[in-house]
Amino acid sequence: MRRIRNLMFLAMMSAVVLLSGCDTSLTVFEPAGPAARSIMELINWSLVWMLLVVVVVLTLFIVIIWKYRDRKDRAAEEPPEEHGSKLLEVIWTAIPVVIVILLAVPTVQTLYALEEVPEEYADKEPIVIHVTSADWKWIFSYPEYDIETVNYVNIPAGTPVDFRLTSASTMQSFWVPQLGGQKYTMGKMETQLYLVADRPGSYWGKNTNFNGRGYSEMEFEVLALSDEEFDEWVADVHRVAPTLTEEQYEEILLPSHLGRMTFTGTHLQWVDHADMHSPSYTNPELYYNHGYKGKTFEEADNYKNRREDHAHGDHEIGNSQHEETHSANERTQPQLGGEHDGH
C-alpha cells in the first residue's frame, strides 16, 4: 500500500509540474454567445458519459483484481473452465454502441446548427466581416463600412456576424472560445463562421494551428460594443484613420508581429485571397529554419512575379513603341544623302 501511495503522490506532483505552464482560465466554459453555449453543452454531455465509462471500468478493474488475487489458502486451486456467455457478449457489445449513438446524435445536430445564424437572432441581418490570416497577424475587412483593422475586430453586441475566413499565406485556425468554435483559414478558399456576442465585452481570440515560430503570439481581441458605440467607432475611423494603400498592405503581409492598426478602405479592392485566381503572397525567403533561409519556388501567381512581369511588360512596350517610332521616322524623314549641288 505504501508503494501505491508513493506512486499516486508522484503522479500528482508530475501533473502539477507539467500543467503549471498551462492557462488555467477555461474560457470555453464561460460562453458569451449562443454558439459557445451549444459547444459547452455538448462538451458537458460528452464528459458525463466519459466519466461514467471511466468509473465503471475502474470499478470492475478493482473488483476483479481483488476477487481473483492470488492467496495462500487457494494456491493449488485451478479455476473452472469457462465457455463464455452469449448474454454478457451481447451486453458489452451493445453498451458501447448505445454510448456512441448518444454522443454522435447531439454532436451532428450541434455541428449543423453552428453553420447557421443562431435561432434567437435569425430575424437580424448579419454584418459581413472578411477575416484574412497572415504570418503572424489577423486582418479584418468591413466591406459595408469601408474599414480595415489589424489584430482587433469591433462588432455590435446582439447582432450576428458573418465571418468570411481565408488566408494570405499558410493555413491558420480562427478561434474565439467565448463566442464559438474554431475554423481553419486557407489560401484561395473561404470558410464561413457565424458568431454572436450576447452582451458587450472584450473576448480573446487566437490562432490554434501550428504554423511557425510566431503562431503562439498570433492573438486578437473581439470587442463587442453597443449599437451606439459601434456607430460612433465607425464615424471616428472615417474621420481620423489613414487610407490603406496597396504598398502598405503588402508590407503588412510580410511575416512579422504587429500591433493594432486601423485604416479606411480595404484590401478587397486589390485582392480577394479567397479567390482561386488571386495572386499568392508567400515570402519563403524571409523564413529561417535551423539557420537556413527558405527558398523561393517558382510560383507563376506570386504577387512579386506579377509586379516584375508588369514592369517587364511596360519595358517591352516602351521598347516596341520606340522601335515603331524610329521606323516611322525613317520612313517619313527625307534622305539627306541624295543628290545635291556641288560647291
Protein backbone atom coordinates (compact mmCIF):
# COMPACT_ATOMS: atom_id res chain seq x y z
CA MET A 1 0.00 0.00 0.00
CA ARG A 2 2.87 2.35 0.79
CA ARG A 3 4.24 1.80 -2.72
CA ILE A 4 0.86 2.61 -4.24
CA ARG A 5 0.58 5.81 -2.18
CA ASN A 6 4.06 6.86 -3.26
CA LEU A 7 3.20 6.26 -6.92
CA MET A 8 -0.02 8.28 -6.61
CA PHE A 9 1.84 11.15 -4.93
CA LEU A 10 4.47 11.10 -7.67
CA ALA A 11 1.79 11.16 -10.36
CA MET A 12 0.02 14.14 -8.74
CA MET A 13 3.25 16.11 -8.39
CA SER A 14 4.15 15.36 -12.00
CA ALA A 15 0.76 16.66 -13.14
CA VAL A 16 1.24 19.86 -11.11
CA VAL A 17 4.67 20.45 -12.66
CA LEU A 18 3.56 19.67 -16.21
CA LEU A 19 0.37 21.73 -16.04
CA SER A 20 1.83 24.71 -14.20
CA GLY A 21 2.61 26.43 -17.52
CA CYS A 22 -0.91 25.96 -18.88
CA ASP A 23 -3.58 28.64 -18.87
CA THR A 24 -5.94 27.85 -16.01
CA SER A 25 -8.65 30.12 -17.40
CA LEU A 26 -11.02 27.74 -19.18
CA THR A 27 -12.90 30.39 -21.14
CA VAL A 28 -14.67 27.74 -23.18
CA PHE A 29 -16.79 27.15 -20.04
CA GLU A 30 -17.67 30.86 -19.87
CA PRO A 31 -19.78 31.26 -23.05
CA ALA A 32 -20.89 34.71 -24.13
CA GLY A 33 -22.84 33.68 -27.22
CA PRO A 34 -25.27 31.00 -28.45
CA ALA A 35 -22.66 29.11 -30.47
CA ALA A 36 -20.30 28.86 -27.49
CA ARG A 37 -23.18 27.74 -25.24
CA SER A 38 -24.08 24.94 -27.65
CA ILE A 39 -20.47 23.78 -27.70
CA MET A 40 -20.22 23.89 -23.88
CA GLU A 41 -23.43 21.85 -23.52
CA LEU A 42 -22.06 19.28 -25.95
CA ILE A 43 -18.77 19.12 -24.01
CA ASN A 44 -20.61 18.64 -20.72
CA TRP A 45 -22.80 15.91 -22.22
CA SER A 46 -19.71 14.12 -23.50
CA LEU A 47 -17.92 14.47 -20.16
CA VAL A 48 -20.82 12.84 -18.32
CA TRP A 49 -20.64 9.72 -20.49
CA MET A 50 -16.84 9.65 -20.41
CA LEU A 51 -16.91 9.85 -16.61
CA LEU A 52 -19.48 7.06 -16.48
CA VAL A 53 -17.28 4.82 -18.62
CA VAL A 54 -14.19 5.59 -16.53
CA VAL A 55 -15.99 4.89 -13.23
CA VAL A 56 -17.46 1.59 -14.45
CA VAL A 57 -14.18 0.37 -15.95
CA LEU A 58 -12.09 1.29 -12.90
CA THR A 59 -14.67 -0.28 -10.55
CA LEU A 60 -14.64 -3.55 -12.49
CA PHE A 61 -10.87 -3.45 -12.63
CA ILE A 62 -10.53 -3.10 -8.84
CA VAL A 63 -13.19 -5.72 -8.11
CA ILE A 64 -11.69 -8.31 -10.46
CA ILE A 65 -8.14 -7.75 -9.20
CA TRP A 66 -9.27 -8.08 -5.58
CA LYS A 67 -11.59 -11.04 -6.13
CA TYR A 68 -9.20 -13.11 -8.21
CA ARG A 69 -5.97 -12.18 -6.47
CA ASP A 70 -3.54 -14.96 -5.59
CA ARG A 71 -3.91 -16.15 -1.98
CA LYS A 72 -2.14 -18.79 0.05
CA ASP A 73 -5.36 -20.57 1.01
CA ARG A 74 -6.15 -21.35 -2.63
CA ALA A 75 -2.76 -21.51 -4.28
CA ALA A 76 -3.45 -25.03 -5.58
CA GLU A 77 -6.90 -24.23 -6.89
CA GLU A 78 -7.44 -24.43 -10.59
CA PRO A 79 -10.18 -22.13 -11.90
CA PRO A 80 -13.02 -23.86 -13.68
CA GLU A 81 -13.02 -23.84 -17.46
CA GLU A 82 -15.32 -21.19 -18.87
CA HIS A 83 -17.05 -21.41 -22.24
CA GLY A 84 -18.27 -17.82 -22.43
CA SER A 85 -21.68 -16.22 -22.10
CA LYS A 86 -23.74 -15.01 -25.02
CA LEU A 87 -25.69 -12.70 -22.75
CA LEU A 88 -22.53 -10.97 -21.49
CA GLU A 89 -21.14 -10.67 -25.02
CA VAL A 90 -24.36 -9.01 -26.19
CA ILE A 91 -24.33 -6.64 -23.22
CA TRP A 92 -20.73 -5.49 -23.57
CA THR A 93 -21.20 -5.05 -27.31
CA ALA A 94 -24.50 -3.17 -27.04
CA ILE A 95 -23.38 -0.75 -24.33
CA PRO A 96 -20.58 0.88 -26.42
CA VAL A 97 -22.92 1.10 -29.42
CA VAL A 98 -25.54 2.90 -27.32
CA ILE A 99 -22.92 5.28 -25.90
CA VAL A 100 -21.60 6.11 -29.38
CA ILE A 101 -25.15 6.85 -30.57
CA LEU A 102 -25.81 9.05 -27.52
CA LEU A 103 -22.64 11.03 -28.33
CA ALA A 104 -22.96 11.09 -32.12
CA VAL A 105 -26.54 12.34 -32.45
CA PRO A 106 -26.17 15.59 -30.43
CA THR A 107 -22.72 16.16 -31.98
CA VAL A 108 -24.11 16.06 -35.52
CA GLN A 109 -27.09 18.22 -34.54
CA THR A 110 -24.81 20.82 -32.95
CA LEU A 111 -22.38 20.89 -35.88
CA TYR A 112 -25.18 21.54 -38.36
CA ALA A 113 -26.75 24.20 -36.11
CA LEU A 114 -23.42 26.06 -35.88
CA GLU A 115 -23.40 26.52 -39.66
CA GLU A 116 -26.45 28.77 -39.49
CA VAL A 117 -27.36 32.02 -37.77
CA PRO A 118 -28.48 31.18 -34.20
CA GLU A 119 -32.26 30.79 -33.96
CA GLU A 120 -32.71 33.56 -31.39
CA TYR A 121 -31.03 36.03 -33.77
CA ALA A 122 -32.47 34.75 -37.05
CA ASP A 123 -34.57 37.91 -37.51
CA LYS A 124 -31.49 40.16 -37.55
CA GLU A 125 -29.44 40.88 -40.67
CA PRO A 126 -25.80 39.73 -40.14
CA ILE A 127 -22.92 42.08 -40.85
CA VAL A 128 -20.19 40.64 -43.06
CA ILE A 129 -16.56 40.78 -41.96
CA HIS A 130 -13.78 39.27 -44.06
CA VAL A 131 -11.03 37.69 -41.99
CA THR A 132 -7.60 37.25 -43.57
CA SER A 133 -4.85 35.48 -41.68
CA ALA A 134 -1.17 36.10 -42.39
CA ASP A 135 2.05 35.24 -40.59
CA TRP A 136 1.52 36.31 -37.81
CA LYS A 137 -1.40 38.69 -37.64
CA TRP A 138 -5.15 38.89 -38.28
CA ILE A 139 -6.69 41.30 -40.79
CA PHE A 140 -10.39 42.21 -40.59
CA SER A 141 -12.16 43.90 -43.51
CA TYR A 142 -15.57 45.57 -43.25
CA PRO A 143 -16.77 45.96 -46.86
CA GLU A 144 -20.07 47.51 -45.73
CA TYR A 145 -18.24 50.22 -43.75
CA ASP A 146 -15.06 50.52 -45.87
CA ILE A 147 -12.83 49.85 -42.83
CA GLU A 148 -9.91 47.52 -42.25
CA THR A 149 -8.31 46.64 -38.90
CA VAL A 150 -5.34 44.53 -37.84
CA ASN A 151 -5.29 42.34 -34.72
CA TYR A 152 -8.64 43.53 -33.38
CA VAL A 153 -12.23 43.49 -34.53
CA ASN A 154 -15.15 45.54 -33.21
CA ILE A 155 -18.65 44.14 -33.53
CA PRO A 156 -22.11 45.25 -32.34
CA ALA A 157 -23.37 43.12 -29.47
CA GLY A 158 -26.59 41.21 -30.16
CA THR A 159 -26.02 41.24 -33.93
CA PRO A 160 -24.96 38.15 -35.91
CA VAL A 161 -21.58 38.45 -37.59
CA ASP A 162 -20.87 36.53 -40.78
CA PHE A 163 -17.12 35.94 -40.72
CA ARG A 164 -15.69 35.01 -44.15
CA LEU A 165 -12.37 33.31 -43.43
CA THR A 166 -9.38 32.96 -45.73
CA SER A 167 -5.59 33.15 -45.60
CA ALA A 168 -2.98 35.17 -47.45
CA SER A 169 -0.31 32.51 -46.94
CA THR A 170 -0.19 29.46 -44.65
CA MET A 171 -3.18 27.73 -43.05
CA GLN A 172 -4.26 29.04 -39.66
CA SER A 173 -7.13 28.46 -37.25
CA PHE A 174 -9.54 31.19 -36.11
CA TRP A 175 -10.92 30.69 -32.60
CA VAL A 176 -12.77 32.88 -30.10
CA PRO A 177 -13.50 30.45 -27.22
CA GLN A 178 -16.21 32.52 -25.53
CA LEU A 179 -18.13 33.09 -28.77
CA GLY A 180 -17.84 29.83 -30.72
CA GLY A 181 -15.72 27.08 -32.16
CA GLN A 182 -12.65 27.24 -34.36
CA LYS A 183 -12.41 27.14 -38.14
CA TYR A 184 -9.44 26.95 -40.46
CA THR A 185 -8.35 29.71 -42.80
CA MET A 186 -6.86 28.53 -46.10
CA GLY A 187 -5.43 30.39 -49.06
CA LYS A 188 -7.62 30.66 -52.17
CA MET A 189 -10.51 29.16 -50.22
CA GLU A 190 -13.22 30.56 -47.98
CA THR A 191 -14.86 29.15 -44.87
CA GLN A 192 -17.78 30.73 -43.06
CA LEU A 193 -18.44 31.19 -39.34
CA TYR A 194 -21.45 32.81 -37.66
CA LEU A 195 -20.80 34.31 -34.22
CA VAL A 196 -22.89 36.47 -31.91
CA ALA A 197 -21.90 38.22 -28.68
CA ASP A 198 -24.89 38.33 -26.32
CA ARG A 199 -23.53 41.28 -24.37
CA PRO A 200 -20.86 43.97 -24.71
CA GLY A 201 -17.43 42.89 -23.61
CA SER A 202 -13.89 42.00 -24.62
CA TYR A 203 -13.26 38.48 -25.91
CA TRP A 204 -9.87 36.94 -26.59
CA GLY A 205 -9.13 35.10 -29.83
CA LYS A 206 -6.08 33.40 -31.28
CA ASN A 207 -4.59 31.12 -33.88
CA THR A 208 -4.65 27.49 -32.70
CA ASN A 209 -2.80 25.98 -35.63
CA PHE A 210 0.96 25.34 -35.51
CA ASN A 211 2.35 27.34 -38.43
CA GLY A 212 5.76 28.57 -37.44
CA ARG A 213 7.62 30.26 -34.66
CA GLY A 214 5.27 33.21 -34.29
CA TYR A 215 1.95 31.38 -34.11
CA SER A 216 1.74 31.41 -30.28
CA GLU A 217 1.59 35.23 -30.26
CA MET A 218 -0.93 35.45 -33.10
CA GLU A 219 -3.76 36.78 -30.97
CA PHE A 220 -6.54 39.32 -31.41
CA GLU A 221 -9.36 40.95 -29.48
CA VAL A 222 -13.06 40.85 -30.30
CA LEU A 223 -14.66 43.93 -28.73
CA ALA A 224 -18.45 43.75 -28.61
CA LEU A 225 -19.97 47.24 -28.42
CA SER A 226 -23.46 48.60 -28.10
CA ASP A 227 -25.05 49.76 -31.35
CA GLU A 228 -24.43 53.41 -30.46
CA GLU A 229 -20.78 52.77 -29.56
CA PHE A 230 -20.23 50.79 -32.76
CA ASP A 231 -21.68 53.56 -34.94
CA GLU A 232 -19.51 56.09 -33.11
CA TRP A 233 -16.41 53.97 -33.71
CA VAL A 234 -17.19 53.74 -37.44
CA ALA A 235 -17.55 57.52 -37.63
CA ASP A 236 -14.29 58.06 -35.73
CA VAL A 237 -12.39 55.74 -38.07
CA HIS A 238 -13.55 57.61 -41.15
CA ARG A 239 -12.65 60.88 -39.51
CA VAL A 240 -9.09 60.14 -38.31
CA ALA A 241 -7.78 56.84 -39.77
CA PRO A 242 -5.38 56.88 -42.74
CA THR A 243 -6.31 55.36 -46.08
CA LEU A 244 -4.90 51.90 -46.77
CA THR A 245 -2.61 51.68 -49.81
CA GLU A 246 -1.57 48.60 -51.74
CA GLU A 247 2.07 49.08 -50.75
CA GLN A 248 1.13 49.29 -47.06
CA TYR A 249 -0.96 46.15 -47.35
CA GLU A 250 1.83 44.17 -48.96
CA GLU A 251 4.14 45.26 -46.15
CA ILE A 252 1.59 44.15 -43.54
CA LEU A 253 1.50 40.68 -45.09
CA LEU A 254 5.23 40.13 -44.58
CA PRO A 255 5.97 37.63 -41.76
CA SER A 256 6.07 39.75 -38.62
CA HIS A 257 4.29 40.65 -35.39
CA LEU A 258 2.32 43.87 -35.48
CA GLY A 259 0.28 45.93 -33.05
CA ARG A 260 -3.21 47.18 -33.72
CA MET A 261 -3.78 49.10 -36.91
CA THR A 262 -6.84 50.84 -38.38
CA PHE A 263 -7.46 52.05 -41.93
CA THR A 264 -10.19 53.39 -44.14
CA GLY A 265 -10.56 51.29 -47.28
CA THR A 266 -9.98 47.56 -47.54
CA HIS A 267 -7.56 45.34 -49.43
CA LEU A 268 -10.55 43.73 -51.20
CA GLN A 269 -10.25 46.44 -53.86
CA TRP A 270 -6.94 44.88 -54.95
CA VAL A 271 -7.09 41.23 -53.98
CA ASP A 272 -9.53 38.71 -52.54
CA HIS A 273 -7.42 35.91 -51.11
CA ALA A 274 -10.43 33.57 -51.21
CA ASP A 275 -10.49 33.76 -55.00
CA MET A 276 -8.87 30.73 -56.62
CA HIS A 277 -7.19 33.00 -59.18
CA SER A 278 -5.82 35.53 -56.71
CA PRO A 279 -2.05 36.01 -56.51
CA SER A 280 -0.06 34.20 -53.82
CA TYR A 281 1.52 36.30 -51.10
CA THR A 282 4.17 33.91 -49.81
CA ASN A 283 7.64 35.07 -48.87
CA PRO A 284 9.62 31.90 -48.09
CA GLU A 285 12.94 33.73 -48.38
CA LEU A 286 12.05 35.63 -45.18
CA TYR A 287 11.76 32.47 -43.06
CA TYR A 288 14.71 30.90 -41.31
CA ASN A 289 14.75 27.26 -40.21
CA HIS A 290 17.79 25.93 -38.36
CA GLY A 291 19.76 28.94 -39.55
CA TYR A 292 18.91 28.47 -43.23
CA LYS A 293 16.81 30.80 -45.30
CA GLY A 294 13.76 29.47 -47.13
CA LYS A 295 13.75 29.06 -50.88
CA THR A 296 11.53 30.91 -53.29
CA PHE A 297 9.86 28.37 -55.52
CA GLU A 298 8.57 29.07 -58.97
CA GLU A 299 5.10 30.46 -58.39
CA ALA A 300 3.55 31.81 -61.52
CA ASP A 301 0.90 33.62 -59.49
CA ASN A 302 3.18 35.15 -56.85
CA TYR A 303 2.43 38.83 -56.40
CA LYS A 304 6.12 39.72 -56.81
CA ASN A 305 6.27 37.90 -60.13
CA ARG A 306 3.24 39.78 -61.33
CA ARG A 307 4.84 43.06 -60.37
CA GLU A 308 8.05 42.12 -62.17
CA ASP A 309 6.10 40.89 -65.19
CA HIS A 310 4.17 44.15 -65.24
CA ALA A 311 7.37 46.18 -65.09
CA HIS A 312 8.98 43.95 -67.69
CA GLY A 313 5.90 44.28 -69.88
CA ASP A 314 5.99 48.06 -69.59
CA HIS A 315 9.67 47.99 -70.57
CA GLU A 316 8.94 45.83 -73.61
CA ILE A 317 6.04 48.03 -74.59
CA GLY A 318 8.29 51.06 -74.29
CA ASN A 319 10.97 49.43 -76.46
CA SER A 320 8.39 48.37 -79.01
CA GLN A 321 6.94 51.87 -79.20
CA HIS A 322 10.45 53.30 -79.56
CA GLU A 323 11.24 50.89 -82.40
CA GLU A 324 7.95 51.64 -84.14
CA THR A 325 8.54 55.40 -83.80
CA HIS A 326 12.09 55.04 -85.06
CA SER A 327 10.90 53.06 -88.10
CA ALA A 328 8.19 55.58 -88.81
CA ASN A 329 10.69 58.41 -88.63
CA GLU A 330 12.96 56.62 -91.03
CA ARG A 331 10.10 56.28 -93.49
CA THR A 332 8.94 59.88 -93.25
CA GLN A 333 12.18 61.81 -92.93
CA PRO A 334 13.87 62.99 -96.23
CA GLN A 335 17.03 61.28 -97.41
CA LEU A 336 19.86 63.60 -96.51
CA GLY A 337 22.41 61.77 -98.59
CA GLY A 338 20.76 62.28 -102.01
CA GLU A 339 21.77 64.44 -104.97
CA HIS A 340 22.95 67.96 -104.18
CA ASP A 341 24.60 70.86 -105.92
CA GLY A 342 28.34 70.91 -105.51
CA HIS A 343 30.20 73.80 -104.08
